[in-house]
N, C-alpha and C. Protein backbone atom coordinates (compact mmCIF):
# COMPACT_ATOMS: atom_id res chain seq x y z
N ALA A 1 14.78 147.70 65.39
CA ALA A 1 16.10 148.02 64.88
C ALA A 1 15.42 150.17 64.60
N LYS A 2 14.22 149.90 64.75
CA LYS A 2 13.34 150.54 64.81
C LYS A 2 12.91 151.38 66.05
N ARG A 3 13.01 151.44 67.21
CA ARG A 3 13.20 151.28 68.13
C ARG A 3 13.02 152.51 68.58
N HIS A 4 14.49 153.30 68.51
CA HIS A 4 15.21 154.57 69.03
C HIS A 4 13.68 155.10 68.51
N ARG A 5 12.92 155.61 67.33
CA ARG A 5 12.21 155.85 67.15
C ARG A 5 11.25 156.42 67.26
N ALA A 6 11.24 154.87 68.38
CA ALA A 6 9.59 155.58 69.12
C ALA A 6 9.76 156.01 70.81
N LYS A 7 11.26 155.40 70.72
CA LYS A 7 12.33 155.32 72.45
C LYS A 7 11.72 157.36 72.21
N PHE A 8 12.16 158.03 71.46
CA PHE A 8 11.77 159.43 71.78
C PHE A 8 10.65 159.72 72.31
N PHE A 9 9.97 159.60 71.33
CA PHE A 9 8.32 160.29 71.68
C PHE A 9 7.66 158.84 73.57
N LEU A 10 8.23 157.97 74.03
CA LEU A 10 7.97 157.21 74.53
C LEU A 10 8.46 157.40 76.20
N GLU A 11 9.45 158.06 75.92
CA GLU A 11 10.36 158.73 77.19
C GLU A 11 9.68 159.79 77.79
N ARG A 12 8.88 160.36 77.06
CA ARG A 12 8.25 161.66 77.06
C ARG A 12 6.90 161.59 77.71
N GLY A 13 6.04 159.92 77.27
CA GLY A 13 4.91 159.84 77.95
C GLY A 13 3.89 160.45 76.53
N ALA A 14 4.53 160.53 75.19
CA ALA A 14 4.11 160.77 74.36
C ALA A 14 3.16 162.36 74.43
N GLU A 15 3.46 163.10 75.40
CA GLU A 15 3.01 164.56 75.49
C GLU A 15 3.02 165.42 74.83
N PRO A 16 2.32 165.81 73.99
CA PRO A 16 3.01 166.41 72.97
C PRO A 16 3.53 167.98 73.66
N HIS A 17 3.12 168.54 74.29
CA HIS A 17 3.42 169.98 74.62
C HIS A 17 5.22 169.24 74.55
N LEU A 18 5.24 168.53 75.52
CA LEU A 18 7.24 167.86 76.05
C LEU A 18 7.75 167.53 74.69
N VAL A 19 6.90 166.95 73.72
CA VAL A 19 7.76 166.50 72.35
C VAL A 19 7.74 167.62 71.42
N THR A 20 6.99 168.88 71.30
CA THR A 20 7.13 169.36 70.47
C THR A 20 7.99 170.75 71.32
N ARG A 21 8.20 170.86 72.05
CA ARG A 21 9.70 171.57 72.80
C ARG A 21 10.70 171.42 72.43
N ASP A 22 11.09 169.70 72.91
CA ASP A 22 12.20 168.76 72.97
C ASP A 22 12.42 169.14 71.28
N VAL A 23 11.62 168.69 70.56
CA VAL A 23 11.86 168.53 68.66
C VAL A 23 12.24 170.03 68.64
N SER A 24 11.61 171.17 68.92
CA SER A 24 12.37 172.16 68.34
C SER A 24 13.50 172.80 68.98
N ARG A 25 13.82 171.84 69.86
CA ARG A 25 15.11 172.30 70.34
C ARG A 25 16.65 171.25 69.80
N LEU A 26 15.83 170.46 69.95
CA LEU A 26 17.24 168.98 69.56
C LEU A 26 17.20 169.01 67.62
N PHE A 27 16.06 169.29 67.12
CA PHE A 27 16.09 169.39 65.65
C PHE A 27 15.83 170.69 64.89
N LEU A 28 15.56 171.63 65.92
CA LEU A 28 15.05 172.39 64.79
C LEU A 28 16.61 173.76 65.22
N GLY A 29 16.76 173.34 66.33
CA GLY A 29 18.25 174.51 67.00
C GLY A 29 17.18 175.92 67.50
N SER A 30 15.98 175.55 67.94
CA SER A 30 15.15 176.61 68.47
C SER A 30 14.12 176.63 69.94
N ASN A 31 14.33 177.20 71.04
CA ASN A 31 13.88 176.99 72.00
C ASN A 31 12.31 177.28 71.81
N TYR A 32 11.15 176.84 71.31
CA TYR A 32 9.93 177.30 70.95
C TYR A 32 9.25 176.98 72.15
N GLN A 33 9.46 177.08 73.50
CA GLN A 33 8.64 177.20 74.61
C GLN A 33 8.26 177.93 75.19
N CYS A 34 8.78 179.06 74.85
CA CYS A 34 8.05 180.16 74.85
C CYS A 34 7.21 180.84 74.47
N ALA A 35 6.36 180.43 72.79
CA ALA A 35 6.00 180.54 71.95
C ALA A 35 4.55 179.96 72.42
N GLN A 36 4.88 178.95 73.61
CA GLN A 36 3.97 178.37 73.72
C GLN A 36 2.55 179.33 74.02
N CYS A 37 2.65 180.23 74.63
CA CYS A 37 1.62 181.11 75.31
C CYS A 37 1.95 182.13 74.56
N HIS A 38 2.60 182.29 73.74
CA HIS A 38 3.12 184.45 73.10
C HIS A 38 4.02 184.16 72.21
N ASP A 39 4.05 184.98 71.24
CA ASP A 39 5.47 185.39 70.19
C ASP A 39 5.95 185.88 71.14
N HIS A 40 7.54 185.48 71.18
CA HIS A 40 8.57 185.99 71.34
C HIS A 40 8.75 187.33 71.63
N PRO A 41 9.12 188.43 72.58
CA PRO A 41 9.17 189.79 73.38
C PRO A 41 10.40 189.88 72.22
N LEU A 42 11.71 189.41 72.20
CA LEU A 42 12.55 189.31 71.32
C LEU A 42 13.16 188.78 70.20
N ILE A 43 12.75 188.04 69.54
CA ILE A 43 13.00 186.84 68.76
C ILE A 43 12.35 187.34 67.89
N GLU A 44 11.79 187.82 67.10
CA GLU A 44 10.76 188.19 66.01
C GLU A 44 10.73 186.60 65.21
N GLU A 45 11.55 185.59 64.99
CA GLU A 45 11.35 184.70 64.13
C GLU A 45 10.34 183.43 65.44
N TYR A 46 10.06 183.63 66.54
CA TYR A 46 9.66 182.73 67.40
C TYR A 46 8.43 183.30 67.65
N LYS A 47 7.15 182.65 66.45
CA LYS A 47 6.50 182.84 66.66
C LYS A 47 5.04 181.66 67.48
N GLN A 48 3.82 181.72 67.96
CA GLN A 48 2.97 181.29 68.68
C GLN A 48 2.71 180.25 67.40
N HIS A 49 2.16 181.20 66.44
CA HIS A 49 1.98 179.96 65.27
C HIS A 49 2.89 178.88 64.81
N ASP A 50 4.12 178.86 65.18
CA ASP A 50 5.69 178.00 65.17
C ASP A 50 5.07 177.50 65.81
N TYR A 51 4.98 177.43 66.48
CA TYR A 51 4.72 176.54 67.86
C TYR A 51 3.71 175.06 67.93
N TYR A 52 2.69 176.28 67.21
CA TYR A 52 1.25 174.97 67.66
C TYR A 52 0.82 174.71 65.99
N GLY A 53 1.86 175.03 64.87
CA GLY A 53 2.09 174.07 63.75
C GLY A 53 2.94 172.90 64.22
N LEU A 54 3.79 172.70 64.47
CA LEU A 54 4.45 171.96 64.83
C LEU A 54 3.55 170.92 65.94
N PHE A 55 3.04 171.53 67.27
CA PHE A 55 1.89 170.75 68.18
C PHE A 55 1.06 169.93 67.21
N ALA A 56 0.86 171.04 66.47
CA ALA A 56 -0.29 169.88 65.61
C ALA A 56 -0.05 168.37 65.07
N PHE A 57 1.58 168.53 64.59
CA PHE A 57 1.90 167.74 63.88
C PHE A 57 2.58 166.25 64.64
N VAL A 58 2.79 166.57 65.75
CA VAL A 58 2.70 165.77 66.85
C VAL A 58 2.09 165.51 67.85
N GLY A 59 0.86 166.16 67.95
CA GLY A 59 -0.29 165.95 68.69
C GLY A 59 -0.70 164.90 68.40
N ARG A 60 -1.19 164.84 66.94
CA ARG A 60 -1.38 163.18 66.65
C ARG A 60 -1.08 161.89 66.90
N THR A 61 0.18 162.09 67.36
CA THR A 61 0.42 160.76 68.19
C THR A 61 0.14 160.70 69.44
N SER A 62 -0.34 159.15 69.66
CA SER A 62 -0.47 158.82 71.11
C SER A 62 -0.02 157.51 71.50
N GLN A 63 -0.29 157.37 73.01
CA GLN A 63 1.17 156.09 73.74
C GLN A 63 -0.41 155.78 74.06
N LEU A 64 -0.15 154.28 74.00
CA LEU A 64 -0.82 153.35 74.36
C LEU A 64 0.01 152.17 75.03
N GLY A 65 -0.75 151.97 75.97
CA GLY A 65 -0.06 150.79 77.42
C GLY A 65 -1.07 149.70 77.59
N ASP A 66 0.51 148.50 78.21
CA ASP A 66 -0.59 147.64 78.71
C ASP A 66 0.18 147.90 80.38
N ARG A 67 -0.51 147.75 81.25
CA ARG A 67 0.30 148.02 82.45
C ARG A 67 0.60 147.08 82.81
N ARG A 68 -0.35 146.04 82.47
CA ARG A 68 -0.07 144.47 82.87
C ARG A 68 1.47 143.98 82.74
N ARG A 69 1.55 144.21 81.26
CA ARG A 69 2.71 143.33 80.53
C ARG A 69 3.43 144.61 80.30
N LYS A 70 3.28 145.94 81.08
CA LYS A 70 4.42 146.93 81.08
C LYS A 70 4.64 147.16 79.26
N VAL A 71 4.16 147.03 78.64
CA VAL A 71 4.28 147.55 77.18
C VAL A 71 3.60 148.60 76.76
N ALA A 72 4.80 149.42 76.08
CA ALA A 72 3.58 151.04 75.47
C ALA A 72 4.29 150.64 74.06
N SER A 73 3.46 151.25 73.58
CA SER A 73 3.54 151.74 71.84
C SER A 73 2.96 152.89 71.57
N LEU A 74 3.02 153.63 70.81
CA LEU A 74 2.67 154.67 69.73
C LEU A 74 1.55 154.35 68.96
N SER A 75 0.83 154.83 68.46
CA SER A 75 -0.16 155.63 67.35
C SER A 75 -0.94 156.31 67.21
N GLU A 76 -1.07 157.02 65.93
CA GLU A 76 -1.13 157.83 65.42
C GLU A 76 -2.84 157.87 65.51
N LYS A 77 -3.41 159.01 66.01
CA LYS A 77 -4.83 159.35 65.85
C LYS A 77 -5.60 159.70 65.04
N ALA A 78 -6.48 159.02 64.83
CA ALA A 78 -7.19 159.24 63.40
C ALA A 78 -8.51 160.10 63.06
N ASP A 79 -7.73 161.57 64.07
CA ASP A 79 -8.63 162.64 63.42
C ASP A 79 -9.21 163.13 62.65
C-alpha cells in the first residue's frame, strides 16, 4: 500500500533535480526549474536558495536496484 510513495521517486530514477522540479510544481504550485541556475528575473519569490533547499532534502534519497531481478528500491544516504 505504501508503494505509491516510492513510485514517485522511482519513476524519475530518483534523480534529485527531476524530483525537485516535479515536487515544486506538483506540491508547491511553483515551477522552481528556472531557479536551479539563478533567481527568477520576474518573480521575486522564486529564489535559487529555495530550489537548493528542496534539492538538499530530496537529494538524500537514492535508488538501489537489482537488474537481474528487475527490482528497485529507495534508500536514504547516510551523509
